[in-house]
Protein backbone atom coordinates (compact mmCIF):
# COMPACT_ATOMS: atom_id res chain seq x y z
CA MET A 1 0.00 0.00 0.00
CA ALA A 2 0.94 3.66 -0.11
CA ASP A 3 -0.34 6.85 1.42
CA ALA A 4 -3.25 8.37 -0.54
CA VAL A 5 -1.87 11.75 -1.63
CA THR A 6 -3.06 14.56 -3.90
CA SER A 7 -1.48 17.73 -5.26
CA GLN A 8 -3.62 20.46 -6.80
CA LYS A 9 -2.35 23.63 -8.45
CA LEU A 10 -4.81 26.42 -7.60
CA ILE A 11 -2.98 29.49 -9.00
CA ASP A 12 0.07 29.82 -11.26
CA THR A 13 0.53 33.41 -12.46
CA ASP A 14 3.63 35.51 -13.18
CA ARG A 15 4.24 36.23 -9.49
CA LYS A 16 1.96 34.00 -7.40
CA LEU A 17 1.71 30.24 -6.97
CA VAL A 18 -0.81 28.42 -4.75
CA TYR A 19 -0.95 24.65 -4.25
CA LYS A 20 -3.07 22.36 -2.06
CA PHE A 21 -1.67 19.02 -0.83
CA THR A 22 -3.44 16.21 1.01
CA ASN A 23 -2.35 12.92 2.51
CA ILE A 24 -4.30 10.14 4.23
CA SER A 25 -1.64 7.82 5.52
CA ASP A 26 -1.66 4.05 5.57
CA GLY A 27 1.30 4.28 7.95
CA SER A 28 4.01 4.23 5.29
CA GLY A 29 4.50 8.01 5.06
CA GLU A 30 6.41 10.16 2.60
CA ALA A 31 10.19 10.69 2.38
CA SER A 32 11.56 13.64 0.36
CA VAL A 33 8.62 13.55 -2.05
CA ALA A 34 8.78 16.33 -4.66
CA LYS A 35 5.70 18.55 -4.30
CA ILE A 36 6.73 21.67 -6.25
CA ASP A 37 8.79 21.18 -9.41
CA VAL A 38 9.67 24.69 -10.60
CA SER A 39 10.55 23.43 -14.09
CA GLY A 40 6.88 22.61 -14.65
CA LEU A 41 5.49 26.01 -13.67
CA ASN A 42 4.22 28.67 -16.05
CA THR A 43 6.84 31.10 -17.34
CA ASN A 44 6.53 34.86 -16.88
CA ASP A 45 5.39 37.26 -19.62
CA GLU A 46 8.93 37.39 -21.05
CA GLY A 47 9.09 33.59 -21.26
CA THR A 48 11.57 33.21 -18.39
CA ALA A 49 11.25 30.01 -16.34
CA CYS A 50 10.73 30.13 -12.58
CA SER A 51 13.95 29.24 -10.74
CA ARG A 52 12.66 29.00 -7.15
CA VAL A 53 9.80 29.98 -4.86
CA VAL A 54 9.46 31.98 -1.64
CA LEU A 55 6.93 30.75 0.94
CA THR A 56 4.55 33.64 1.76
CA GLN A 57 1.60 31.96 3.54
CA ILE A 58 0.68 28.48 4.74
CA TRP A 59 -2.64 27.07 5.91
CA TYR A 60 -2.61 23.58 7.42
CA ASP A 61 -4.68 20.90 9.13
CA ILE A 62 -2.59 17.97 10.37
CA GLY A 63 -3.68 14.96 12.38
CA GLY A 64 -1.23 12.64 14.15
CA MET A 65 1.95 13.36 12.20
CA ARG A 66 4.49 16.01 11.30
CA VAL A 67 5.14 17.41 7.82
CA GLN A 68 8.60 18.76 7.06
CA ILE A 69 8.84 21.08 4.05
CA ASP A 70 12.32 21.07 2.53
CA PHE A 71 14.06 23.20 -0.06
CA ASP A 72 15.33 20.54 -2.46
CA ALA A 73 19.09 20.69 -3.10
CA SER A 74 22.14 18.45 -3.22
CA THR A 75 21.54 18.36 0.55
CA ASN A 76 17.94 19.30 1.37
CA VAL A 77 17.42 22.25 3.74
CA PRO A 78 14.38 22.28 6.05
CA ALA A 79 12.13 25.30 5.46
CA LEU A 80 9.80 24.45 8.37
CA VAL A 81 8.02 21.63 10.19
CA LEU A 82 4.24 21.58 10.64
CA GLY A 83 2.12 19.52 13.03
CA GLY A 84 2.54 18.05 16.44
CA SER A 85 2.79 14.67 18.05
CA ALA A 86 0.17 11.93 17.83
CA ALA A 87 -0.86 12.91 21.37
CA ALA A 88 -1.61 16.45 20.17
CA GLY A 89 -4.39 15.22 17.87
CA ASN A 90 -5.35 17.63 15.10
CA VAL A 91 -3.32 20.82 14.67
CA GLN A 92 -4.57 23.63 12.45
CA GLY A 93 -3.03 26.96 11.66
CA HIS A 94 -2.20 29.81 9.33
CA LEU A 95 1.33 31.19 9.00
CA ASP A 96 1.84 34.54 7.27
CA PHE A 97 5.41 35.45 6.31
CA ARG A 98 4.60 38.41 4.04
CA SER A 99 5.59 41.12 6.55
CA PHE A 100 9.28 40.18 6.14
CA GLY A 101 9.25 39.01 2.52
CA GLY A 102 8.64 35.31 3.05
CA ILE A 103 10.80 32.26 3.74
CA LYS A 104 13.48 32.23 1.07
CA ASN A 105 15.34 29.20 -0.20
CA ASN A 106 18.69 29.23 1.62
CA ALA A 107 20.06 25.94 0.27
CA SER A 108 23.66 26.14 -0.96
CA SER A 109 23.00 24.20 -4.21
CA PRO A 110 19.24 24.55 -4.72
CA ASP A 111 17.24 23.28 -7.66
CA GLY A 112 14.28 25.44 -6.60
CA ASP A 113 11.90 22.56 -5.82
CA LEU A 114 10.04 21.79 -2.57
CA ASP A 115 9.82 18.33 -0.96
CA PHE A 116 7.64 16.95 1.86
CA THR A 117 8.69 14.37 4.43
CA THR A 118 6.28 13.01 7.06
CA SER A 119 7.22 11.63 10.45
CA GLY A 120 5.30 10.02 13.30
CA HIS A 121 2.65 8.80 10.86
CA THR A 122 0.33 5.89 11.55
CA ASN A 123 -2.67 4.49 9.71
CA LEU A 124 -5.30 7.17 8.92
CA ASP A 125 -3.17 10.13 10.07
CA HIS A 126 -3.65 12.97 7.62
CA TYR A 127 -2.67 16.40 6.42
CA THR A 128 -4.00 19.17 4.25
CA VAL A 129 -1.47 21.90 3.46
CA ILE A 130 -2.06 24.96 1.29
CA LEU A 131 1.07 26.86 0.25
CA GLU A 132 1.04 30.36 -1.17
CA MET A 133 4.34 31.24 -2.81
CA ARG A 134 5.97 34.05 -4.73
CA LYS A 135 7.80 32.96 -7.85
CA GLN A 136 11.39 34.06 -8.52
CA TYR A 137 13.09 34.16 -11.93
């Protein structure tokens, strides 16, 4: 078996990108699973490809696991970790990073992509994560 996961692109404009991700776990979890592949995003008006994204807002609902969001690179760099322990039950929240320009990719050899890794997952644990990002060229 495998976790039941979905990825849905909601907005992909010149500057803004919004994705929704879900997972209902069978207990196997996810390990460095690519969620945002910048090479597949729309180009800007000049035809330039997006090279990386900046996290500007996150909405999440997580039950029984943690979700680590990584900047993909030769050695992945954690952007942030969402969720709590299984004992915490469901954890919901909204994080807004716009006042300081967002969480920028600080990996030393980045490819611009974002990966998810889950931990502490058991059968029927879940997450819904909505990422709002600013595209960089």
